[in-house]
PDB file of N, CA and C in Angstrom:
ATOM      1  N   UNK A   1      50.002  39.052   8.888  1.00  0.00           N
ATOM      2  CA  UNK A   1      48.967  38.620   9.795  1.00  0.00           C
ATOM      3  C   UNK A   1      49.637  38.227  11.114  1.00  0.00           C
ATOM      4  N   UNK A   2      49.002  38.615  12.174  1.00  0.00           N
ATOM      5  CA  UNK A   2      49.574  38.339  13.492  1.00  0.00           C
ATOM      6  C   UNK A   2      49.250  36.912  13.919  1.00  0.00           C
ATOM      7  N   UNK A   3      49.994  36.465  14.915  1.00  0.00           N
ATOM      8  CA  UNK A   3      49.801  35.097  15.420  1.00  0.00           C
ATOM      9  C   UNK A   3      48.431  34.950  16.061  1.00  0.00           C
ATOM     10  N   UNK A   4      47.999  35.988  16.772  1.00  0.00           N
ATOM     11  CA  UNK A   4      46.699  35.914  17.447  1.00  0.00           C
ATOM     12  C   UNK A   4      45.567  35.808  16.413  1.00  0.00           C
ATOM     13  N   UNK A   5      45.680  36.616  15.365  1.00  0.00           N
ATOM     14  CA  UNK A   5      44.658  36.598  14.312  1.00  0.00           C
ATOM     15  C   UNK A   5      44.638  35.242  13.603  1.00  0.00           C
ATOM     16  N   UNK A   6      45.789  34.657  13.336  1.00  0.00           N
ATOM     17  CA  UNK A   6      45.891  33.342  12.698  1.00  0.00           C
ATOM     18  C   UNK A   6      45.287  32.267  13.597  1.00  0.00           C
ATOM     19  N   UNK A   7      45.512  32.378  14.905  1.00  0.00           N
ATOM     20  CA  UNK A   7      44.953  31.406  15.844  1.00  0.00           C
ATOM     21  C   UNK A   7      43.426  31.501  15.873  1.00  0.00           C
ATOM     22  N   UNK A   8      42.888  32.727  15.834  1.00  0.00           N
ATOM     23  CA  UNK A   8      41.431  32.918  15.828  1.00  0.00           C
ATOM     24  C   UNK A   8      40.833  32.336  14.552  1.00  0.00           C
ATOM     25  N   UNK A   9      41.485  32.584  13.411  1.00  0.00           N
ATOM     26  CA  UNK A   9      40.996  32.055  12.133  1.00  0.00           C
ATOM     27  C   UNK A   9      41.053  30.535  12.128  1.00  0.00           C
ATOM     28  N   UNK A  10      42.143  29.969  12.641  1.00  0.00           N
ATOM     29  CA  UNK A  10      42.272  28.509  12.695  1.00  0.00           C
ATOM     30  C   UNK A  10      41.207  27.911  13.601  1.00  0.00           C
ATOM     31  N   UNK A  11      40.955  28.560  14.725  1.00  0.00           N
ATOM     32  CA  UNK A  11      39.920  28.079  15.640  1.00  0.00           C
ATOM     33  C   UNK A  11      38.547  28.138  14.977  1.00  0.00           C
ATOM     34  N   UNK A  12      38.274  29.227  14.266  1.00  0.00           N
ATOM     35  CA  UNK A  12      36.995  29.359  13.564  1.00  0.00           C
ATOM     36  C   UNK A  12      36.847  28.291  12.495  1.00  0.00           C
ATOM     37  N   UNK A  13      37.905  28.003  11.774  1.00  0.00           N
ATOM     38  CA  UNK A  13      37.858  26.954  10.746  1.00  0.00           C
ATOM     39  C   UNK A  13      37.614  25.583  11.360  1.00  0.00           C
ATOM     40  N   UNK A  14      38.242  25.325  12.516  1.00  0.00           N
ATOM     41  CA  UNK A  14      38.030  24.046  13.194  1.00  0.00           C
ATOM     42  C   UNK A  14      36.567  23.906  13.617  1.00  0.00           C
ATOM     43  N   UNK A  15      35.998  25.000  14.170  1.00  0.00           N
ATOM     44  CA  UNK A  15      34.589  24.976  14.571  1.00  0.00           C
ATOM     45  C   UNK A  15      33.665  24.763  13.372  1.00  0.00           C
ATOM     46  N   UNK A  16      33.966  25.431  12.258  1.00  0.00           N
ATOM     47  CA  UNK A  16      33.146  25.285  11.053  1.00  0.00           C
ATOM     48  C   UNK A  16      33.222  23.857  10.523  1.00  0.00           C
ATOM     49  N   UNK A  17      34.420  23.281  10.546  1.00  0.00           N
ATOM     50  CA  UNK A  17      34.589  21.895  10.082  1.00  0.00           C
ATOM     51  C   UNK A  17      33.816  20.931  10.977  1.00  0.00           C
ATOM     52  N   UNK A  18      33.919  21.122  12.296  1.00  0.00           N
ATOM     53  CA  UNK A  18      33.198  20.267  13.241  1.00  0.00           C
ATOM     54  C   UNK A  18      31.685  20.402  13.052  1.00  0.00           C
ATOM     55  N   UNK A  19      31.208  21.648  12.901  1.00  0.00           N
ATOM     56  CA  UNK A  19      29.777  21.877  12.688  1.00  0.00           C
ATOM     57  C   UNK A  19      29.310  21.229  11.385  1.00  0.00           C
ATOM     58  N   UNK A  20      30.131  21.323  10.356  1.00  0.00           N
ATOM     59  CA  UNK A  20      29.784  20.697   9.079  1.00  0.00           C
ATOM     60  C   UNK A  20      29.662  19.202   9.199  1.00  0.00           C
ATOM     61  N   UNK A  21      30.590  18.571   9.938  1.00  0.00           N
ATOM     62  CA  UNK A  21      30.519  17.115  10.136  1.00  0.00           C
ATOM     63  C   UNK A  21      29.283  16.726  10.929  1.00  0.00           C
ATOM     64  N   UNK A  22      28.994  17.481  11.995  1.00  0.00           N
ATOM     65  CA  UNK A  22      27.804  17.186  12.807  1.00  0.00           C
ATOM     66  C   UNK A  22      26.526  17.391  12.000  1.00  0.00           C
ATOM     67  N   UNK A  23      26.503  18.449  11.197  1.00  0.00           N
ATOM     68  CA  UNK A  23      25.337  18.710  10.359  1.00  0.00           C
ATOM     69  C   UNK A  23      25.113  17.621   9.337  1.00  0.00           C
ATOM     70  N   UNK A  24      26.208  17.147   8.741  1.00  0.00           N
ATOM     71  CA  UNK A  24      26.093  16.068   7.757  1.00  0.00           C
ATOM     72  C   UNK A  24      25.611  14.785   8.429  1.00  0.00           C
ATOM     73  N   UNK A  25      26.130  14.502   9.627  1.00  0.00           N
ATOM     74  CA  UNK A  25      25.703  13.299  10.342  1.00  0.00           C
ATOM     75  C   UNK A  25      24.230  13.409  10.725  1.00  0.00           C
ATOM     76  N   UNK A  26      23.801  14.577  11.148  1.00  0.00           N
ATOM     77  CA  UNK A  26      22.397  14.781  11.509  1.00  0.00           C
ATOM     78  C   UNK A  26      21.502  14.639  10.286  1.00  0.00           C
ATOM     79  N   UNK A  27      21.947  15.195   9.165  1.00  0.00           N
ATOM     80  CA  UNK A  27      21.182  15.064   7.922  1.00  0.00           C
ATOM     81  C   UNK A  27      21.055  13.610   7.491  1.00  0.00           C
ATOM     82  N   UNK A  28      22.145  12.856   7.622  1.00  0.00           N
ATOM     83  CA  UNK A  28      22.114  11.434   7.249  1.00  0.00           C
ATOM     84  C   UNK A  28      21.165  10.660   8.160  1.00  0.00           C
ATOM     85  N   UNK A  29      21.175  10.995   9.459  1.00  0.00           N
ATOM     86  CA  UNK A  29      20.259  10.321  10.389  1.00  0.00           C
ATOM     87  C   UNK A  29      18.809  10.661  10.067  1.00  0.00           C
ATOM     88  N   UNK A  30      18.560  11.923   9.698  1.00  0.00           N
ATOM     89  CA  UNK A  30      17.196  12.333   9.353  1.00  0.00           C
ATOM     90  C   UNK A  30      16.707  11.605   8.104  1.00  0.00           C
ATOM     91  N   UNK A  31      17.563  11.486   7.104  1.00  0.00           N
ATOM     92  CA  UNK A  31      17.196  10.775   5.874  1.00  0.00           C
ATOM     93  C   UNK A  31      16.920   9.306   6.179  1.00  0.00           C
ATOM     94  N   UNK A  32      17.756   8.704   7.007  1.00  0.00           N
ATOM     95  CA  UNK A  32      17.558   7.302   7.373  1.00  0.00           C
ATOM     96  C   UNK A  32      16.240   7.116   8.122  1.00  0.00           C
ATOM     97  N   UNK A  33      15.931   8.028   9.035  1.00  0.00           N
ATOM     98  CA  UNK A  33      14.687   7.958   9.788  1.00  0.00           C
ATOM     99  C   UNK A  33      13.475   8.117   8.871  1.00  0.00           C
ATOM    100  N   UNK A  34      13.542   9.051   7.928  1.00  0.00           N
ATOM    101  CA  UNK A  34      12.438   9.232   6.978  1.00  0.00           C
ATOM    102  C   UNK A  34      12.251   8.008   6.093  1.00  0.00           C
ATOM    103  N   UNK A  35      13.347   7.414   5.645  1.00  0.00           N
ATOM    104  CA  UNK A  35      13.266   6.214   4.813  1.00  0.00           C
ATOM    105  C   UNK A  35      12.612   5.067   5.573  1.00  0.00           C
ATOM    106  N   UNK A  36      13.000   4.890   6.835  1.00  0.00           N
ATOM    107  CA  UNK A  36      12.399   3.833   7.646  1.00  0.00           C
ATOM    108  C   UNK A  36      10.915   4.096   7.899  1.00  0.00           C
ATOM    109  N   UNK A  37      10.561   5.357   8.125  1.00  0.00           N
ATOM    110  CA  UNK A  37       9.162   5.706   8.358  1.00  0.00           C
ATOM    111  C   UNK A  37       8.316   5.425   7.122  1.00  0.00           C
ATOM    112  N   UNK A  38       8.821   5.805   5.953  1.00  0.00           N
ATOM    113  CA  UNK A  38       8.081   5.562   4.710  1.00  0.00           C
ATOM    114  C   UNK A  38       7.918   4.068   4.476  1.00  0.00           C
ATOM    115  N   UNK A  39       8.978   3.289   4.700  1.00  0.00           N
ATOM    116  CA  UNK A  39       8.880   1.847   4.472  1.00  0.00           C
ATOM    117  C   UNK A  39       7.938   1.190   5.476  1.00  0.00           C
ATOM    118  N   UNK A  40       7.777   1.782   6.654  1.00  0.00           N
ATOM    119  CA  UNK A  40       6.842   1.238   7.638  1.00  0.00           C
ATOM    120  C   UNK A  40       5.403   1.610   7.300  1.00  0.00           C
ATOM    121  N   UNK A  41       5.187   2.827   6.822  1.00  0.00           N
ATOM    122  CA  UNK A  41       3.825   3.295   6.554  1.00  0.00           C
ATOM    123  C   UNK A  41       3.269   2.820   5.223  1.00  0.00           C
ATOM    124  N   UNK A  42       4.128   2.495   4.274  1.00  0.00           N
ATOM    125  CA  UNK A  42       3.655   2.092   2.947  1.00  0.00           C
ATOM    126  C   UNK A  42       2.698   0.900   2.999  1.00  0.00           C
ATOM    127  N   UNK A  43       3.035  -0.183   3.704  1.00  0.00           N
ATOM    128  CA  UNK A  43       2.083  -1.304   3.750  1.00  0.00           C
ATOM    129  C   UNK A  43       0.777  -0.947   4.441  1.00  0.00           C
ATOM    130  N   UNK A  44       0.797  -0.001   5.381  1.00  0.00           N
ATOM    131  CA  UNK A  44      -0.428   0.384   6.072  1.00  0.00           C
ATOM    132  C   UNK A  44      -1.372   1.163   5.176  1.00  0.00           C
ATOM    133  N   UNK A  45      -0.828   1.886   4.219  1.00  0.00           N
ATOM    134  CA  UNK A  45      -1.660   2.707   3.347  1.00  0.00           C
ATOM    135  C   UNK A  45      -2.484   1.859   2.393  1.00  0.00           C
ATOM    136  N   UNK A  46      -1.945   0.741   1.943  1.00  0.00           N
ATOM    137  CA  UNK A  46      -2.687  -0.090   1.002  1.00  0.00           C
ATOM    138  C   UNK A  46      -2.345   0.251  -0.428  1.00  0.00           C
ATOM    139  N   UNK A  47      -3.130  -0.270  -1.328  1.00  0.00           N
ATOM    140  CA  UNK A  47      -2.862  -0.120  -2.747  1.00  0.00           C
ATOM    141  C   UNK A  47      -3.545   1.113  -3.301  1.00  0.00           C
ATOM    142  N   UNK A  48      -2.936   1.742  -4.293  1.00  0.00           N
ATOM    143  CA  UNK A  48      -3.564   2.899  -4.934  1.00  0.00           C
ATOM    144  C   UNK A  48      -4.691   2.447  -5.854  1.00  0.00           C
ATOM    145  N   UNK A  49      -4.470   1.346  -6.552  1.00  0.00           N
ATOM    146  CA  UNK A  49      -5.511   0.873  -7.464  1.00  0.00           C
ATOM    147  C   UNK A  49      -6.505  -0.001  -6.704  1.00  0.00           C
ATOM    148  N   UNK A  50      -7.641  -0.170  -7.286  1.00  0.00           N
ATOM    149  CA  UNK A  50      -8.689  -0.964  -6.660  1.00  0.00           C
ATOM    150  C   UNK A  50      -8.276  -2.435  -6.616  1.00  0.00           C
ATOM    151  N   UNK A  51      -8.508  -3.065  -5.482  1.00  0.00           N
ATOM    152  CA  UNK A  51      -8.142  -4.465  -5.336  1.00  0.00           C
ATOM    153  C   UNK A  51      -9.378  -5.339  -5.472  1.00  0.00           C
ATOM    154  N   UNK A  52     -10.146  -5.110  -6.522  1.00  0.00           N
ATOM    155  CA  UNK A  52     -11.398  -5.830  -6.718  1.00  0.00           C
ATOM    156  C   UNK A  52     -11.263  -6.932  -7.765  1.00  0.00           C
ATOM    157  N   UNK A  53     -10.079  -7.446  -7.977  1.00  0.00           N
ATOM    158  CA  UNK A  53      -9.908  -8.521  -8.956  1.00  0.00           C
ATOM    159  C   UNK A  53     -10.628  -9.780  -8.515  1.00  0.00           C
ATOM    160  N   UNK A  54     -10.628 -10.039  -7.212  1.00  0.00           N
ATOM    161  CA  UNK A  54     -11.321 -11.230  -6.734  1.00  0.00           C
ATOM    162  C   UNK A  54     -12.829 -11.113  -6.968  1.00  0.00           C
ATOM    163  N   UNK A  55     -13.373  -9.910  -6.833  1.00  0.00           N
ATOM    164  CA  UNK A  55     -14.803  -9.712  -7.109  1.00  0.00           C
ATOM    165  C   UNK A  55     -15.133 -10.038  -8.559  1.00  0.00           C
ATOM    166  N   UNK A  56     -14.282  -9.591  -9.476  1.00  0.00           N
ATOM    167  CA  UNK A  56     -14.520  -9.853 -10.894  1.00  0.00           C
ATOM    168  C   UNK A  56     -14.453 -11.350 -11.192  1.00  0.00           C
ATOM    169  N   UNK A  57     -13.465 -12.033 -10.620  1.00  0.00           N
ATOM    170  CA  UNK A  57     -13.334 -13.480 -10.848  1.00  0.00           C
ATOM    171  C   UNK A  57     -14.545 -14.218 -10.281  1.00  0.00           C
ATOM    172  N   UNK A  58     -15.004 -13.803  -9.102  1.00  0.00           N
ATOM    173  CA  UNK A  58     -16.169 -14.463  -8.503  1.00  0.00           C
ATOM    174  C   UNK A  58     -17.444 -14.200  -9.301  1.00  0.00           C
ATOM    175  N   UNK A  59     -17.573 -13.022  -9.907  1.00  0.00           N
ATOM    176  CA  UNK A  59     -18.742 -12.739 -10.737  1.00  0.00           C
ATOM    177  C   UNK A  59     -18.752 -13.614 -11.984  1.00  0.00           C
ATOM    178  N   UNK A  60     -17.590 -13.802 -12.590  1.00  0.00           N
ATOM    179  CA  UNK A  60     -17.501 -14.687 -13.760  1.00  0.00           C
ATOM    180  C   UNK A  60     -17.810 -16.120 -13.339  1.00  0.00           C
ATOM    181  N   UNK A  61     -17.320 -16.517 -12.157  1.00  0.00           N
ATOM    182  CA  UNK A  61     -17.605 -17.867 -11.661  1.00  0.00           C
ATOM    183  C   UNK A  61     -19.097 -18.057 -11.429  1.00  0.00           C
ATOM    184  N   UNK A  62     -19.751 -17.050 -10.882  1.00  0.00           N
ATOM    185  CA  UNK A  62     -21.194 -17.132 -10.663  1.00  0.00           C
ATOM    186  C   UNK A  62     -21.940 -17.250 -11.984  1.00  0.00           C
ATOM    187  N   UNK A  63     -21.446 -16.550 -12.981  1.00  0.00           N
ATOM    188  CA  UNK A  63     -22.045 -16.643 -14.311  1.00  0.00           C
ATOM    189  C   UNK A  63     -21.951 -18.070 -14.841  1.00  0.00           C
ATOM    190  N   UNK A  64     -20.781 -18.695 -14.686  1.00  0.00           N
ATOM    191  CA  UNK A  64     -20.624 -20.075 -15.141  1.00  0.00           C
ATOM    192  C   UNK A  64     -21.488 -21.034 -14.325  1.00  0.00           C
ATOM    193  N   UNK A  65     -21.606 -20.792 -13.031  1.00  0.00           N
ATOM    194  CA  UNK A  65     -22.383 -21.694 -12.183  1.00  0.00           C
ATOM    195  C   UNK A  65     -23.889 -21.571 -12.435  1.00  0.00           C
ATOM    196  N   UNK A  66     -24.340 -20.412 -12.859  1.00  0.00           N
ATOM    197  CA  UNK A  66     -25.772 -20.230 -13.105  1.00  0.00           C
ATOM    198  C   UNK A  66     -26.135 -20.364 -14.573  1.00  0.00           C
ATOM    199  N   UNK A  67     -25.179 -20.735 -15.389  1.00  0.00           N
ATOM    200  CA  UNK A  67     -25.414 -20.921 -16.813  1.00  0.00           C
ATOM    201  C   UNK A  67     -26.435 -22.038 -16.990  1.00  0.00           C
ATOM    202  N   UNK A  68     -27.279 -21.944 -18.000  1.00  0.00           N
ATOM    203  CA  UNK A  68     -28.261 -23.024 -18.216  1.00  0.00           C
ATOM    204  C   UNK A  68     -27.586 -24.397 -18.286  1.00  0.00           C
ATOM    205  N   UNK A  69     -28.334 -25.376 -17.903  1.00  0.00           N
ATOM    206  CA  UNK A  69     -27.802 -26.736 -17.748  1.00  0.00           C
ATOM    207  C   UNK A  69     -26.970 -27.174 -18.952  1.00  0.00           C
ATOM    208  N   UNK A  70     -25.765 -27.548 -18.662  1.00  0.00           N
ATOM    209  CA  UNK A  70     -24.840 -28.063 -19.666  1.00  0.00           C
ATOM    210  C   UNK A  70     -24.776 -29.577 -19.472  1.00  0.00           C
ATOM    211  N   UNK A  71     -25.060 -30.363 -20.517  1.00  0.00           N
ATOM    212  CA  UNK A  71     -25.096 -31.823 -20.328  1.00  0.00           C
ATOM    213  C   UNK A  71     -23.754 -32.411 -19.894  1.00  0.00           C
ATOM    214  N   UNK A  72     -22.673 -31.767 -20.254  1.00  0.00           N
ATOM    215  CA  UNK A  72     -21.372 -32.334 -19.872  1.00  0.00           C
ATOM    216  C   UNK A  72     -20.928 -31.860 -18.488  1.00  0.00           C
ATOM    217  N   UNK A  73     -21.469 -30.767 -17.995  1.00  0.00           N
ATOM    218  CA  UNK A  73     -21.117 -30.267 -16.670  1.00  0.00           C
ATOM    219  C   UNK A  73     -19.816 -29.485 -16.633  1.00  0.00           C
ATOM    220  N   UNK A  74     -19.268 -29.164 -17.804  1.00  0.00           N
ATOM    221  CA  UNK A  74     -17.988 -28.448 -17.860  1.00  0.00           C
ATOM    222  C   UNK A  74     -18.137 -27.035 -17.295  1.00  0.00           C
ATOM    223  N   UNK A  75     -19.261 -26.403 -17.569  1.00  0.00           N
ATOM    224  CA  UNK A  75     -19.432 -25.033 -17.063  1.00  0.00           C
ATOM    225  C   UNK A  75     -19.447 -25.008 -15.539  1.00  0.00           C
ATOM    226  N   UNK A  76     -19.992 -26.057 -14.918  1.00  0.00           N
ATOM    227  CA  UNK A  76     -20.013 -26.115 -13.458  1.00  0.00           C
ATOM    228  C   UNK A  76     -18.602 -26.314 -12.907  1.00  0.00           C
ATOM    229  N   UNK A  77     -17.821 -27.139 -13.580  1.00  0.00           N
ATOM    230  CA  UNK A  77     -16.435 -27.371 -13.149  1.00  0.00           C
ATOM    231  C   UNK A  77     -15.632 -26.090 -13.277  1.00  0.00           C
ATOM    232  N   UNK A  78     -15.775 -25.404 -14.424  1.00  0.00           N
ATOM    233  CA  UNK A  78     -15.054 -24.153 -14.636  1.00  0.00           C
ATOM    234  C   UNK A  78     -15.502 -23.106 -13.618  1.00  0.00           C
ATOM    235  N   UNK A  79     -16.791 -23.039 -13.369  1.00  0.00           N
ATOM    236  CA  UNK A  79     -17.323 -22.098 -12.391  1.00  0.00           C
ATOM    237  C   UNK A  79     -16.802 -22.367 -10.991  1.00  0.00           C
ATOM    238  N   UNK A  80     -16.769 -23.643 -10.618  1.00  0.00           N
ATOM    239  CA  UNK A  80     -16.258 -24.008  -9.289  1.00  0.00           C
ATOM    240  C   UNK A  80     -14.789 -23.671  -9.125  1.00  0.00           C
ATOM    241  N   UNK A  81     -14.010 -23.955 -10.171  1.00  0.00           N
ATOM    242  CA  UNK A  81     -12.573 -23.643 -10.115  1.00  0.00           C
ATOM    243  C   UNK A  81     -12.366 -22.132 -10.047  1.00  0.00           C
ATOM    244  N   UNK A  82     -13.100 -21.391 -10.849  1.00  0.00           N
ATOM    245  CA  UNK A  82     -12.970 -19.934 -10.823  1.00  0.00           C
ATOM    246  C   UNK A  82     -13.412 -19.355  -9.474  1.00  0.00           C
ATOM    247  N   UNK A  83     -14.471 -19.920  -8.902  1.00  0.00           N
ATOM    248  CA  UNK A  83     -14.932 -19.420  -7.607  1.00  0.00           C
ATOM    249  C   UNK A  83     -13.877 -19.667  -6.535  1.00  0.00           C
ATOM    250  N   UNK A  84     -13.278 -20.850  -6.554  1.00  0.00           N
ATOM    251  CA  UNK A  84     -12.195 -21.152  -5.599  1.00  0.00           C
ATOM    252  C   UNK A  84     -11.001 -20.236  -5.800  1.00  0.00           C
ATOM    253  N   UNK A  85     -10.677 -19.971  -7.065  1.00  0.00           N
ATOM    254  CA  UNK A  85      -9.562 -19.065  -7.353  1.00  0.00           C
ATOM    255  C   UNK A  85      -9.883 -17.649  -6.885  1.00  0.00           C
ATOM    256  N   UNK A  86     -11.131 -17.234  -7.042  1.00  0.00           N
ATOM    257  CA  UNK A  86     -11.552 -15.914  -6.571  1.00  0.00           C
ATOM    258  C   UNK A  86     -11.440 -15.790  -5.062  1.00  0.00           C
ATOM    259  N   UNK A  87     -11.828 -16.841  -4.350  1.00  0.00           N
ATOM    260  CA  UNK A  87     -11.713 -16.829  -2.882  1.00  0.00           C
ATOM    261  C   UNK A  87     -10.251 -16.788  -2.445  1.00  0.00           C
ATOM    262  N   UNK A  88      -9.396 -17.555  -3.132  1.00  0.00           N
ATOM    263  CA  UNK A  88      -7.965 -17.532  -2.808  1.00  0.00           C
ATOM    264  C   UNK A  88      -7.372 -16.151  -3.086  1.00  0.00           C
ATOM    265  N   UNK A  89      -7.783 -15.557  -4.190  1.00  0.00           N
ATOM    266  CA  UNK A  89      -7.320 -14.213  -4.534  1.00  0.00           C
ATOM    267  C   UNK A  89      -7.805 -13.184  -3.512  1.00  0.00           C
ATOM    268  N   UNK A  90      -9.019 -13.362  -3.012  1.00  0.00           N
ATOM    269  CA  UNK A  90      -9.544 -12.459  -1.985  1.00  0.00           C
ATOM    270  C   UNK A  90      -8.710 -12.560  -0.708  1.00  0.00           C
ATOM    271  N   UNK A  91      -8.287 -13.761  -0.349  1.00  0.00           N
ATOM    272  CA  UNK A  91      -7.447 -13.937   0.840  1.00  0.00           C
ATOM    273  C   UNK A  91      -6.129 -13.194   0.689  1.00  0.00           C
ATOM    274  N   UNK A  92      -5.517 -13.288  -0.488  1.00  0.00           N
ATOM    275  CA  UNK A  92      -4.266 -12.580  -0.744  1.00  0.00           C
ATOM    276  C   UNK A  92      -4.489 -11.077  -0.702  1.00  0.00           C
ATOM    277  N   UNK A  93      -5.589 -10.614  -1.274  1.00  0.00           N
ATOM    278  CA  UNK A  93      -5.894  -9.181  -1.265  1.00  0.00           C
ATOM    279  C   UNK A  93      -6.143  -8.676   0.153  1.00  0.00           C
ATOM    280  N   UNK A  94      -6.772  -9.479   0.988  1.00  0.00           N
ATOM    281  CA  UNK A  94      -7.044  -9.053   2.358  1.00  0.00           C
ATOM    282  C   UNK A  94      -5.745  -8.911   3.150  1.00  0.00           C
ATOM    283  N   UNK A  95      -4.745  -9.729   2.849  1.00  0.00           N
ATOM    284  CA  UNK A  95      -3.466  -9.613   3.547  1.00  0.00           C
ATOM    285  C   UNK A  95      -2.749  -8.327   3.162  1.00  0.00           C
ATOM    286  N   UNK A  96      -2.955  -7.859   1.944  1.00  0.00           N
ATOM    287  CA  UNK A  96      -2.293  -6.649   1.463  1.00  0.00           C
ATOM    288  C   UNK A  96      -3.149  -5.404   1.686  1.00  0.00           C
ATOM    289  N   UNK A  97      -4.285  -5.545   2.344  1.00  0.00           N
ATOM    290  CA  UNK A  97      -5.213  -4.438   2.514  1.00  0.00           C
ATOM    291  C   UNK A  97      -4.650  -3.412   3.492  1.00  0.00           C
ATOM    292  N   UNK A  98      -4.888  -2.162   3.180  1.00  0.00           N
ATOM    293  CA  UNK A  98      -4.446  -1.078   4.045  1.00  0.00           C
ATOM    294  C   UNK A  98      -5.581  -0.120   4.322  1.00  0.00           C
ATOM    295  N   UNK A  99      -5.243   1.017   4.900  1.00  0.00           N
ATOM    296  CA  UNK A  99      -6.248   2.012   5.276  1.00  0.00           C
ATOM    297  C   UNK A  99      -7.013   2.508   4.060  1.00  0.00           C
ATOM    298  N   UNK A 100      -6.309   2.760   2.984  1.00  0.00           N
ATOM    299  CA  UNK A 100      -6.949   3.265   1.764  1.00  0.00           C
ATOM    300  C   UNK A 100      -7.978   2.257   1.247  1.00  0.00           C
ATOM    301  N   UNK A 101      -7.642   0.975   1.308  1.00  0.00           N
ATOM    302  CA  UNK A 101      -8.570  -0.058   0.834  1.00  0.00           C
ATOM    303  C   UNK A 101      -9.796  -0.169   1.742  1.00  0.00           C
ATOM    304  N   UNK A 102      -9.590  -0.045   3.043  1.00  0.00           N
ATOM    305  CA  UNK A 102     -10.715  -0.113   3.981  1.00  0.00           C
ATOM    306  C   UNK A 102     -11.676   1.043   3.719  1.00  0.00           C
ATOM    307  N   UNK A 103     -11.133   2.238   3.496  1.00  0.00           N
ATOM    308  CA  UNK A 103     -11.989   3.392   3.199  1.00  0.00           C
ATOM    309  C   UNK A 103     -12.753   3.198   1.896  1.00  0.00           C
ATOM    310  N   UNK A 104     -12.109   2.626   0.891  1.00  0.00           N
ATOM    311  CA  UNK A 104     -12.767   2.387  -0.390  1.00  0.00           C
ATOM    312  C   UNK A 104     -13.920   1.398  -0.222  1.00  0.00           C
ATOM    313  N   UNK A 105     -13.690   0.331   0.532  1.00  0.00           N
ATOM    314  CA  UNK A 105     -14.740  -0.672   0.753  1.00  0.00           C
ATOM    315  C   UNK A 105     -15.875  -0.074   1.569  1.00  0.00           C
ATOM    316  N   UNK A 106     -15.552   0.711   2.582  1.00  0.00           N
ATOM    317  CA  UNK A 106     -16.572   1.352   3.415  1.00  0.00           C
ATOM    318  C   UNK A 106     -17.444   2.282   2.580  1.00  0.00           C
ATOM    319  N   UNK A 107     -16.827   3.049   1.704  1.00  0.00           N
ATOM    320  CA  UNK A 107     -17.576   3.970   0.840  1.00  0.00           C
ATOM    321  C   UNK A 107     -18.484   3.186  -0.108  1.00  0.00           C
ATOM    322  N   UNK A 108     -17.946   2.104  -0.687  1.00  0.00           N
ATOM    323  CA  UNK A 108     -18.741   1.301  -1.615  1.00  0.00           C
ATOM    324  C   UNK A 108     -19.930   0.649  -0.908  1.00  0.00           C
ATOM    325  N   UNK A 109     -19.723   0.155   0.316  1.00  0.00           N
ATOM    326  CA  UNK A 109     -20.827  -0.433   1.073  1.00  0.00           C
ATOM    327  C   UNK A 109     -21.884   0.613   1.413  1.00  0.00           C
ATOM    328  N   UNK A 110     -21.457   1.832   1.710  1.00  0.00           N
ATOM    329  CA  UNK A 110     -22.412   2.907   1.976  1.00  0.00           C
ATOM    330  C   UNK A 110     -23.298   3.179   0.782  1.00  0.00           C
ATOM    331  N   UNK A 111     -22.690   3.230  -0.416  1.00  0.00           N
ATOM    332  CA  UNK A 111     -23.477   3.444  -1.634  1.00  0.00           C
ATOM    333  C   UNK A 111     -24.432   2.279  -1.880  1.00  0.00           C
ATOM    334  N   UNK A 112     -23.968   1.056  -1.680  1.00  0.00           N
ATOM    335  CA  UNK A 112     -24.822  -0.100  -1.917  1.00  0.00           C
ATOM    336  C   UNK A 112     -25.987  -0.139  -0.931  1.00  0.00           C
ATOM    337  N   UNK A 113     -25.719   0.190   0.338  1.00  0.00           N
ATOM    338  CA  UNK A 113     -26.820   0.210   1.325  1.00  0.00           C
ATOM    339  C   UNK A 113     -27.819   1.320   1.027  1.00  0.00           C
ATOM    340  N   UNK A 114     -27.325   2.459   0.612  1.00  0.00           N
ATOM    341  CA  UNK A 114     -28.222   3.568   0.268  1.00  0.00           C
ATOM    342  C   UNK A 114     -29.113   3.171  -0.900  1.00  0.00           C
ATOM    343  N   UNK A 115     -28.526   2.527  -1.914  1.00  0.00           N
ATOM    344  CA  UNK A 115     -29.309   2.089  -3.079  1.00  0.00           C
ATOM    345  C   UNK A 115     -30.305   0.999  -2.704  1.00  0.00           C
ATOM    346  N   UNK A 116     -29.915   0.112  -1.788  1.00  0.00           N
ATOM    347  CA  UNK A 116     -30.802  -0.972  -1.383  1.00  0.00           C
ATOM    348  C   UNK A 116     -32.013  -0.462  -0.613  1.00  0.00           C
ATOM    349  N   UNK A 117     -31.823   0.559   0.223  1.00  0.00           N
ATOM    350  CA  UNK A 117     -32.922   1.039   1.068  1.00  0.00           C
ATOM    351  C   UNK A 117     -33.775   2.106   0.406  1.00  0.00           C
ATOM    352  N   UNK A 118     -33.276   2.720  -0.689  1.00  0.00           N
ATOM    353  CA  UNK A 118     -34.073   3.742  -1.348  1.00  0.00           C
ATOM    354  C   UNK A 118     -34.971   3.171  -2.434  1.00  0.00           C
ATOM    355  N   UNK A 119     -34.759   1.965  -2.851  1.00  0.00           N
ATOM    356  CA  UNK A 119     -35.587   1.392  -3.932  1.00  0.00           C
ATOM    357  C   UNK A 119     -36.907   0.913  -3.467  1.00  0.00           C
TER     358      UNK A 119
END
């Protein structure tokens, strides 16, 4: 092999090595950017499952509060505590609410309004 040919091959190898390093660095930056984007968008999306636990707790509390008169008043105390817990749970759920949750609530309100006005 001639010296000129060896120099061309060495130069090509140097370029390939440099391109490989730049490509790897670019790939690492792209992965880092995607990871940051996903971590930023995840809280905005909201929860996949329904966040209606506070509604269920408040319904049980309403049941206890409207229960026929209890001479000891325990059902009213339990109902009041459950209602307060439901409201606190609703506050926590509202802080974690995202776009998906807003759409779910909007859809549910649409169905409820349609049912209310068609009856």
